[in-house]
Amino acid sequence: MKIYTKTGDKGTTALFGGKRVPKSDLRIDAYGTVDELNSYIGLLRDQEVNQKRKEILIEIQDRLFTVGSILATEPGNTNVKIPTLSDSDITYLEKEIDAMDALLPPLKFFVLPGGHVSVSFGHVARTVCRRAERLVIALDAVEKVDPFVIQYLNRLSDHLFMLCRKMAQELNAEEVAWKPRM
C-alpha cells in the first residue's frame, strides 16, 4: 500500500465511513490536534525521567488513538467498527492523578511552565490537550460528540499538569510561582 493516495490533493479527506469533508473541517482540526497531542505524549514517554511511567504513557497514547477514531467517524455511522472509551478510562487517569498528588507538596500558587526541558515538554502537551478539548467542545456544539471524549481530554490535561509537577520534583527542578504585579 502506498502512503500517498492523491485523494486529498483537492483539500478534502474522508471520515471513517467514507464521507468526504474539507481538511479545514472542525472535526478534522479536532482529531488532528489529538494526533498532535499524541506526538507530544510520545516525546514525554521518551524522557528519561518517565521511564518508570512508560506503560502509563503508552496507555494514554492508545486511548488517544481511540479518541481520534471516535472523532474521525462520520456521525451516526454504525457500520464502522471503532474502539470506545468508558468510565474505566477516566478512573484510570484519576487514580494516577491521586497517586502523584499524594507524593507532592500542596500547591499554593500558579506555576510558571518550565524548570527543566522534560517539564516544559509536559506543559506543551498539557496546553495542546486543552486546545484539543476546546476544539472537541466546539465540535460538540455543532454535532454531538461522545461525552467520554470531552471528559477524557479534561482529565488528561489535569493528569499532565500533575505529571509536570511530579517530573519537576524528581528532577529537582524549581517550580516558579507566578507572582502577579499589583
Protein backbone atom coordinates (compact mmCIF):
# COMPACT_ATOMS: atom_id res chain seq x y z
CA MET A 1 0.00 0.00 0.00
CA LYS A 2 1.38 3.39 -0.95
CA ILE A 3 1.48 6.15 1.64
CA TYR A 4 0.11 8.66 -0.85
CA THR A 5 -3.34 8.22 -2.37
CA LYS A 6 -3.76 11.61 -4.04
CA THR A 7 -7.38 11.67 -2.83
CA GLY A 8 -6.66 14.72 -0.65
CA ASP A 9 -4.98 16.76 -3.33
CA LYS A 10 -8.02 19.00 -3.67
CA GLY A 11 -8.24 19.78 0.04
CA THR A 12 -10.66 17.12 1.22
CA THR A 13 -10.30 13.98 3.31
CA ALA A 14 -12.52 11.03 4.14
CA LEU A 15 -14.02 10.30 7.52
CA PHE A 16 -14.35 6.67 8.64
CA GLY A 17 -17.43 5.66 6.74
CA GLY A 18 -16.45 7.41 3.52
CA LYS A 19 -17.94 10.89 3.78
CA ARG A 20 -15.55 13.48 2.32
CA VAL A 21 -15.09 16.78 4.15
CA PRO A 22 -12.74 19.75 3.75
CA LYS A 23 -9.42 19.30 5.55
CA SER A 24 -10.27 22.56 7.35
CA ASP A 25 -13.43 20.99 8.88
CA LEU A 26 -13.71 21.43 12.65
CA ARG A 27 -13.83 17.63 13.07
CA ILE A 28 -10.52 17.27 11.22
CA ASP A 29 -8.99 20.08 13.30
CA ALA A 30 -10.14 18.33 16.48
CA TYR A 31 -8.72 14.91 15.70
CA GLY A 32 -5.62 16.44 14.13
CA THR A 33 -4.97 18.23 17.41
CA VAL A 34 -5.48 14.96 19.29
CA ASP A 35 -2.86 13.45 16.96
CA GLU A 36 -0.51 16.34 17.75
CA LEU A 37 -1.11 15.72 21.45
CA ASN A 38 -0.31 12.04 20.99
CA SER A 39 3.05 13.00 19.47
CA TYR A 40 3.84 15.16 22.49
CA ILE A 41 2.88 12.29 24.81
CA GLY A 42 5.40 10.20 22.86
CA LEU A 43 8.01 12.87 23.49
CA LEU A 44 7.19 12.77 27.20
CA ARG A 45 7.42 8.97 27.15
CA ASP A 46 10.93 9.26 25.70
CA GLN A 47 12.16 11.43 28.59
CA GLU A 48 14.49 9.58 30.94
CA VAL A 49 12.54 10.82 33.97
CA ASN A 50 9.45 8.99 32.66
CA GLN A 51 10.96 5.55 32.09
CA LYS A 52 9.04 4.14 35.04
CA ARG A 53 5.84 5.69 33.63
CA LYS A 54 6.34 4.33 30.12
CA GLU A 55 3.40 1.89 30.31
CA ILE A 56 1.08 4.60 31.65
CA LEU A 57 2.02 6.91 28.79
CA ILE A 58 1.57 4.13 26.23
CA GLU A 59 -1.91 3.50 27.69
CA ILE A 60 -2.70 7.20 27.27
CA GLN A 61 -1.42 7.15 23.68
CA ASP A 62 -3.61 4.14 22.96
CA ARG A 63 -6.65 5.95 24.37
CA LEU A 64 -5.80 9.00 22.25
CA PHE A 65 -5.93 6.79 19.15
CA THR A 66 -9.38 5.73 20.36
CA VAL A 67 -10.37 9.39 20.74
CA GLY A 68 -9.07 10.08 17.23
CA SER A 69 -11.06 7.13 15.85
CA ILE A 70 -14.23 8.36 17.51
CA LEU A 71 -13.72 11.86 16.15
CA ALA A 72 -12.81 10.59 12.66
CA THR A 73 -16.01 8.58 12.33
CA GLU A 74 -18.90 10.02 10.41
CA PRO A 75 -21.63 10.93 12.92
CA GLY A 76 -24.40 8.33 13.05
CA ASN A 77 -22.45 5.75 11.07
CA THR A 78 -22.91 2.46 12.89
CA ASN A 79 -21.36 0.36 10.10
CA VAL A 80 -17.83 1.36 11.11
CA LYS A 81 -16.37 -0.62 13.99
CA ILE A 82 -14.21 1.57 16.25
CA PRO A 83 -12.97 1.26 19.83
CA THR A 84 -14.77 3.11 22.62
CA LEU A 85 -13.97 4.96 25.82
CA SER A 86 -15.54 4.09 29.16
CA ASP A 87 -15.72 5.18 32.78
CA SER A 88 -12.70 2.98 33.50
CA ASP A 89 -10.54 5.13 31.20
CA ILE A 90 -11.45 8.23 33.22
CA THR A 91 -10.98 6.39 36.53
CA TYR A 92 -7.54 5.21 35.39
CA LEU A 93 -6.40 8.81 34.93
CA GLU A 94 -7.95 9.88 38.24
CA LYS A 95 -6.08 7.12 40.11
CA GLU A 96 -2.82 8.20 38.51
CA ILE A 97 -3.51 11.84 39.39
CA ASP A 98 -4.30 10.92 43.00
CA ALA A 99 -1.14 8.79 43.28
CA MET A 100 1.05 11.67 42.10
CA ASP A 101 -0.81 14.21 44.23
CA ALA A 102 -0.17 12.13 47.37
CA LEU A 103 3.59 12.48 46.78
CA LEU A 104 3.66 16.21 46.05
CA PRO A 105 3.59 19.22 48.35
CA PRO A 106 0.27 21.11 48.28
CA LEU A 107 0.05 23.67 45.50
CA LYS A 108 -0.37 27.17 46.93
CA PHE A 109 0.25 29.21 43.78
CA PHE A 110 0.09 29.14 40.00
CA VAL A 111 3.25 27.64 38.50
CA LEU A 112 5.09 29.14 35.55
CA PRO A 113 5.72 26.42 32.96
CA GLY A 114 9.36 25.35 32.79
CA GLY A 115 12.20 24.47 35.11
CA HIS A 116 13.58 21.60 33.05
CA VAL A 117 13.27 20.60 29.40
CA SER A 118 11.26 17.47 30.29
CA VAL A 119 8.85 19.52 32.41
CA SER A 120 8.50 22.06 29.60
CA PHE A 121 7.60 19.27 27.14
CA GLY A 122 4.91 18.23 29.62
CA HIS A 123 3.45 21.72 29.76
CA VAL A 124 3.38 21.89 25.95
CA ALA A 125 1.48 18.57 25.94
CA ARG A 126 -0.90 19.93 28.60
CA THR A 127 -1.71 23.05 26.59
CA VAL A 128 -2.19 21.06 23.36
CA CYS A 129 -4.56 18.83 25.34
CA ARG A 130 -6.55 21.89 26.44
CA ARG A 131 -6.70 23.10 22.82
CA ALA A 132 -7.95 19.67 21.70
CA GLU A 133 -10.58 19.82 24.44
CA ARG A 134 -11.75 23.27 23.28
CA LEU A 135 -11.99 22.09 19.67
CA VAL A 136 -13.97 19.00 20.66
CA ILE A 137 -16.34 21.15 22.73
CA ALA A 138 -16.81 23.45 19.73
CA LEU A 139 -17.50 20.39 17.56
CA ASP A 140 -19.97 19.10 20.15
CA ALA A 141 -21.93 22.35 19.81
CA VAL A 142 -22.36 21.62 16.08
CA GLU A 143 -22.81 17.84 16.16
CA LYS A 144 -22.86 15.71 19.28
CA VAL A 145 -19.60 14.07 20.37
CA ASP A 146 -19.29 11.10 22.71
CA PRO A 147 -19.23 12.76 26.18
CA PHE A 148 -16.41 10.42 27.26
CA VAL A 149 -14.15 12.15 24.71
CA ILE A 150 -14.63 15.54 26.38
CA GLN A 151 -14.32 14.06 29.86
CA TYR A 152 -11.18 12.11 28.93
CA LEU A 153 -9.42 15.15 27.47
CA ASN A 154 -10.37 17.24 30.50
CA ARG A 155 -9.00 14.66 32.92
CA LEU A 156 -5.91 14.08 30.77
CA SER A 157 -4.96 17.77 30.96
CA ASP A 158 -5.21 17.51 34.76
CA HIS A 159 -3.05 14.39 34.64
CA LEU A 160 -0.45 16.17 32.51
CA PHE A 161 -0.31 19.07 34.96
CA MET A 162 0.32 16.67 37.84
CA LEU A 163 2.88 14.80 35.75
CA CYS A 164 4.73 18.08 35.20
CA ARG A 165 4.78 18.71 38.95
CA LYS A 166 5.96 15.15 39.62
CA MET A 167 8.70 15.38 37.00
CA ALA A 168 9.83 18.71 38.48
CA GLN A 169 10.04 17.08 41.91
CA GLU A 170 12.01 14.08 40.62
CA LEU A 171 14.36 16.30 38.59
CA ASN A 172 14.85 18.75 41.47
CA ALA A 173 13.59 21.46 39.15
CA GLU A 174 12.29 24.63 40.74
CA GLU A 175 8.57 25.28 40.47
CA VAL A 176 8.49 29.02 39.94
CA ALA A 177 5.48 30.68 41.48
CA TRP A 178 3.59 33.20 39.44
CA LYS A 179 3.54 36.41 41.45
CA PRO A 180 1.34 38.92 39.67
CA ARG A 181 2.26 42.58 39.83
CA MET A 182 -0.47 44.52 41.53
